[in-house]
PDB file of N, CA and C in Angstrom:
ATOM      1  N   MET A   1      50.180  96.378 115.689  1.00  0.00           N
ATOM      2  CA  MET A   1      49.768  96.339 117.068  1.00  0.00           C
ATOM      3  C   MET A   1      49.066  97.665 117.367  1.00  0.00           C
ATOM      4  N   VAL A   2      48.031  97.602 118.153  1.00  0.00           N
ATOM      5  CA  VAL A   2      47.261  98.784 118.533  1.00  0.00           C
ATOM      6  C   VAL A   2      47.228  98.878 120.054  1.00  0.00           C
ATOM      7  N   GLN A   3      47.459 100.074 120.564  1.00  0.00           N
ATOM      8  CA  GLN A   3      47.311 100.339 121.995  1.00  0.00           C
ATOM      9  C   GLN A   3      46.175 101.333 122.153  1.00  0.00           C
ATOM     10  N   LYS A   4      45.235 101.013 123.028  1.00  0.00           N
ATOM     11  CA  LYS A   4      44.061 101.861 123.207  1.00  0.00           C
ATOM     12  C   LYS A   4      43.703 101.881 124.680  1.00  0.00           C
ATOM     13  N   GLY A   5      43.442 103.076 125.203  1.00  0.00           N
ATOM     14  CA  GLY A   5      43.040 103.192 126.598  1.00  0.00           C
ATOM     15  C   GLY A   5      43.426 104.530 127.187  1.00  0.00           C
ATOM     16  N   ASN A   6      43.526 104.554 128.492  1.00  0.00           N
ATOM     17  CA  ASN A   6      43.935 105.737 129.231  1.00  0.00           C
ATOM     18  C   ASN A   6      45.288 106.209 128.685  1.00  0.00           C
ATOM     19  N   PRO A   7      45.486 107.522 128.475  1.00  0.00           N
ATOM     20  CA  PRO A   7      46.753 108.008 127.914  1.00  0.00           C
ATOM     21  C   PRO A   7      47.992 107.541 128.681  1.00  0.00           C
ATOM     22  N   ASN A   8      47.925 107.515 129.998  1.00  0.00           N
ATOM     23  CA  ASN A   8      49.079 107.064 130.780  1.00  0.00           C
ATOM     24  C   ASN A   8      49.362 105.589 130.546  1.00  0.00           C
ATOM     25  N   THR A   9      48.328 104.782 130.433  1.00  0.00           N
ATOM     26  CA  THR A   9      48.494 103.353 130.191  1.00  0.00           C
ATOM     27  C   THR A   9      49.088 103.108 128.811  1.00  0.00           C
ATOM     28  N   VAL A  10      48.594 103.815 127.814  1.00  0.00           N
ATOM     29  CA  VAL A  10      49.122 103.676 126.452  1.00  0.00           C
ATOM     30  C   VAL A  10      50.599 104.062 126.439  1.00  0.00           C
ATOM     31  N   ARG A  11      50.928 105.184 127.036  1.00  0.00           N
ATOM     32  CA  ARG A  11      52.316 105.664 127.091  1.00  0.00           C
ATOM     33  C   ARG A  11      53.216 104.661 127.820  1.00  0.00           C
ATOM     34  N   ASP A  12      52.748 104.158 128.950  1.00  0.00           N
ATOM     35  CA  ASP A  12      53.530 103.189 129.728  1.00  0.00           C
ATOM     36  C   ASP A  12      53.743 101.886 128.958  1.00  0.00           C
ATOM     37  N   THR A  13      52.716 101.425 128.253  1.00  0.00           N
ATOM     38  CA  THR A  13      52.831 100.186 127.482  1.00  0.00           C
ATOM     39  C   THR A  13      53.817 100.356 126.337  1.00  0.00           C
ATOM     40  N   ILE A  14      53.753 101.485 125.647  1.00  0.00           N
ATOM     41  CA  ILE A  14      54.702 101.763 124.566  1.00  0.00           C
ATOM     42  C   ILE A  14      56.126 101.777 125.119  1.00  0.00           C
ATOM     43  N   GLN A  15      56.320 102.391 126.267  1.00  0.00           N
ATOM     44  CA  GLN A  15      57.648 102.440 126.888  1.00  0.00           C
ATOM     45  C   GLN A  15      58.120 101.040 127.283  1.00  0.00           C
ATOM     46  N   THR A  16      57.228 100.231 127.840  1.00  0.00           N
ATOM     47  CA  THR A  16      57.584  98.863 128.229  1.00  0.00           C
ATOM     48  C   THR A  16      57.975  98.036 127.010  1.00  0.00           C
ATOM     49  N   LEU A  17      57.214  98.151 125.929  1.00  0.00           N
ATOM     50  CA  LEU A  17      57.541  97.413 124.711  1.00  0.00           C
ATOM     51  C   LEU A  17      58.892  97.852 124.152  1.00  0.00           C
ATOM     52  N   HIS A  18      59.217  99.122 124.311  1.00  0.00           N
ATOM     53  CA  HIS A  18      60.536  99.626 123.916  1.00  0.00           C
ATOM     54  C   HIS A  18      61.621  99.044 124.821  1.00  0.00           C
ATOM     55  N   ASP A  19      61.382  99.060 126.118  1.00  0.00           N
ATOM     56  CA  ASP A  19      62.368  98.580 127.095  1.00  0.00           C
ATOM     57  C   ASP A  19      62.733  97.111 126.891  1.00  0.00           C
ATOM     58  N   ILE A  20      61.763  96.297 126.458  1.00  0.00           N
ATOM     59  CA  ILE A  20      62.051  94.871 126.247  1.00  0.00           C
ATOM     60  C   ILE A  20      62.493  94.581 124.810  1.00  0.00           C
ATOM     61  N   GLY A  21      62.628  95.631 124.002  1.00  0.00           N
ATOM     62  CA  GLY A  21      63.161  95.480 122.655  1.00  0.00           C
ATOM     63  C   GLY A  21      62.170  95.044 121.602  1.00  0.00           C
ATOM     64  N   LEU A  22      60.892  95.165 121.881  1.00  0.00           N
ATOM     65  CA  LEU A  22      59.877  94.729 120.923  1.00  0.00           C
ATOM     66  C   LEU A  22      59.536  95.802 119.887  1.00  0.00           C
ATOM     67  N   ALA A  23      59.530  97.069 120.291  1.00  0.00           N
ATOM     68  CA  ALA A  23      59.141  98.139 119.371  1.00  0.00           C
ATOM     69  C   ALA A  23      59.815  99.443 119.772  1.00  0.00           C
ATOM     70  N   GLU A  24      60.324 100.153 118.772  1.00  0.00           N
ATOM     71  CA  GLU A  24      60.911 101.467 119.026  1.00  0.00           C
ATOM     72  C   GLU A  24      59.794 102.484 119.257  1.00  0.00           C
ATOM     73  N   ILE A  25      60.051 103.438 120.104  1.00  0.00           N
ATOM     74  CA  ILE A  25      59.047 104.457 120.418  1.00  0.00           C
ATOM     75  C   ILE A  25      58.646 105.234 119.166  1.00  0.00           C
ATOM     76  N   GLY A  26      59.602 105.516 118.291  1.00  0.00           N
ATOM     77  CA  GLY A  26      59.326 106.273 117.074  1.00  0.00           C
ATOM     78  C   GLY A  26      58.492 105.530 116.046  1.00  0.00           C
ATOM     79  N   GLU A  27      58.254 104.237 116.251  1.00  0.00           N
ATOM     80  CA  GLU A  27      57.439 103.454 115.321  1.00  0.00           C
ATOM     81  C   GLU A  27      55.942 103.578 115.607  1.00  0.00           C
ATOM     82  N   TRP A  28      55.585 104.241 116.698  1.00  0.00           N
ATOM     83  CA  TRP A  28      54.176 104.401 117.076  1.00  0.00           C
ATOM     84  C   TRP A  28      53.631 105.716 116.528  1.00  0.00           C
ATOM     85  N   THR A  29      52.389 105.686 116.097  1.00  0.00           N
ATOM     86  CA  THR A  29      51.744 106.926 115.678  1.00  0.00           C
ATOM     87  C   THR A  29      51.521 107.799 116.908  1.00  0.00           C
ATOM     88  N   PRO A  30      51.434 109.124 116.710  1.00  0.00           N
ATOM     89  CA  PRO A  30      51.071 109.979 117.848  1.00  0.00           C
ATOM     90  C   PRO A  30      49.708 109.547 118.390  1.00  0.00           C
ATOM     91  N   MET A  31      49.540 109.634 119.696  1.00  0.00           N
ATOM     92  CA  MET A  31      48.257 109.261 120.292  1.00  0.00           C
ATOM     93  C   MET A  31      47.155 110.185 119.781  1.00  0.00           C
ATOM     94  N   GLN A  32      46.028 109.582 119.469  1.00  0.00           N
ATOM     95  CA  GLN A  32      44.858 110.309 118.995  1.00  0.00           C
ATOM     96  C   GLN A  32      43.675 109.961 119.889  1.00  0.00           C
ATOM     97  N   PRO A  33      42.786 110.927 120.130  1.00  0.00           N
ATOM     98  CA  PRO A  33      41.609 110.618 120.947  1.00  0.00           C
ATOM     99  C   PRO A  33      40.656 109.696 120.192  1.00  0.00           C
ATOM    100  N   THR A  34      39.964 108.849 120.942  1.00  0.00           N
ATOM    101  CA  THR A  34      38.925 107.998 120.366  1.00  0.00           C
ATOM    102  C   THR A  34      37.577 108.659 120.639  1.00  0.00           C
ATOM    103  N   GLN A  35      36.516 107.978 120.276  1.00  0.00           N
ATOM    104  CA  GLN A  35      35.180 108.522 120.527  1.00  0.00           C
ATOM    105  C   GLN A  35      34.817 108.473 122.006  1.00  0.00           C
ATOM    106  N   ASN A  36      35.574 107.700 122.788  1.00  0.00           N
ATOM    107  CA  ASN A  36      35.309 107.577 124.219  1.00  0.00           C
ATOM    108  C   ASN A  36      36.140 108.596 124.996  1.00  0.00           C
ATOM    109  N   GLU A  37      35.497 109.351 125.833  1.00  0.00           N
ATOM    110  CA  GLU A  37      36.180 110.392 126.597  1.00  0.00           C
ATOM    111  C   GLU A  37      37.314 109.807 127.440  1.00  0.00           C
ATOM    112  N   GLY A  38      38.475 110.444 127.375  1.00  0.00           N
ATOM    113  CA  GLY A  38      39.617 110.019 128.167  1.00  0.00           C
ATOM    114  C   GLY A  38      40.373 108.832 127.596  1.00  0.00           C
ATOM    115  N   GLU A  39      40.007 108.394 126.388  1.00  0.00           N
ATOM    116  CA  GLU A  39      40.651 107.235 125.773  1.00  0.00           C
ATOM    117  C   GLU A  39      41.465 107.683 124.561  1.00  0.00           C
ATOM    118  N   MET A  40      42.660 107.111 124.427  1.00  0.00           N
ATOM    119  CA  MET A  40      43.543 107.434 123.316  1.00  0.00           C
ATOM    120  C   MET A  40      43.914 106.146 122.587  1.00  0.00           C
ATOM    121  N   ILE A  41      44.388 106.308 121.347  1.00  0.00           N
ATOM    122  CA  ILE A  41      44.812 105.163 120.548  1.00  0.00           C
ATOM    123  C   ILE A  41      46.133 105.500 119.864  1.00  0.00           C
ATOM    124  N   SER A  42      46.995 104.498 119.736  1.00  0.00           N
ATOM    125  CA  SER A  42      48.251 104.619 119.006  1.00  0.00           C
ATOM    126  C   SER A  42      48.487 103.299 118.288  1.00  0.00           C
ATOM    127  N   ILE A  43      49.036 103.376 117.077  1.00  0.00           N
ATOM    128  CA  ILE A  43      49.236 102.190 116.246  1.00  0.00           C
ATOM    129  C   ILE A  43      50.721 102.039 115.933  1.00  0.00           C
ATOM    130  N   LEU A  44      51.215 100.820 116.065  1.00  0.00           N
ATOM    131  CA  LEU A  44      52.599 100.514 115.716  1.00  0.00           C
ATOM    132  C   LEU A  44      52.687 100.384 114.202  1.00  0.00           C
ATOM    133  N   CYS A  45      53.547 101.185 113.587  1.00  0.00           N
ATOM    134  CA  CYS A  45      53.706 101.174 112.127  1.00  0.00           C
ATOM    135  C   CYS A  45      55.134 100.782 111.780  1.00  0.00           C
ATOM    136  N   ARG A  46      55.267  99.710 111.030  1.00  0.00           N
ATOM    137  CA  ARG A  46      56.583  99.248 110.591  1.00  0.00           C
ATOM    138  C   ARG A  46      56.574  99.087 109.081  1.00  0.00           C
ATOM    139  N   LYS A  47      57.725  99.369 108.475  1.00  0.00           N
ATOM    140  CA  LYS A  47      57.891  99.154 107.043  1.00  0.00           C
ATOM    141  C   LYS A  47      58.539  97.793 106.839  1.00  0.00           C
ATOM    142  N   ILE A  48      58.039  97.069 105.865  1.00  0.00           N
ATOM    143  CA  ILE A  48      58.608  95.771 105.522  1.00  0.00           C
ATOM    144  C   ILE A  48      59.375  95.938 104.218  1.00  0.00           C
ATOM    145  N   VAL A  49      60.653  95.631 104.254  1.00  0.00           N
ATOM    146  CA  VAL A  49      61.495  95.723 103.065  1.00  0.00           C
ATOM    147  C   VAL A  49      61.709  94.315 102.535  1.00  0.00           C
ATOM    148  N   MET A  50      61.415  94.146 101.255  1.00  0.00           N
ATOM    149  CA  MET A  50      61.558  92.813 100.654  1.00  0.00           C
ATOM    150  C   MET A  50      62.642  92.838  99.611  1.00  0.00           C
TER     151      MET A  50
END
């Protein structure tokens, strides 16, 4: 899953996904700036154990 947009929106969405039990906050990459001014991106990273 990828979150991209205003830093506050990305942060709020990550928190909401945590609150509803979909993704832990620590599973997201640190926010990084995109080529668009004022826009950030974070990626949900999970390990799959087989």
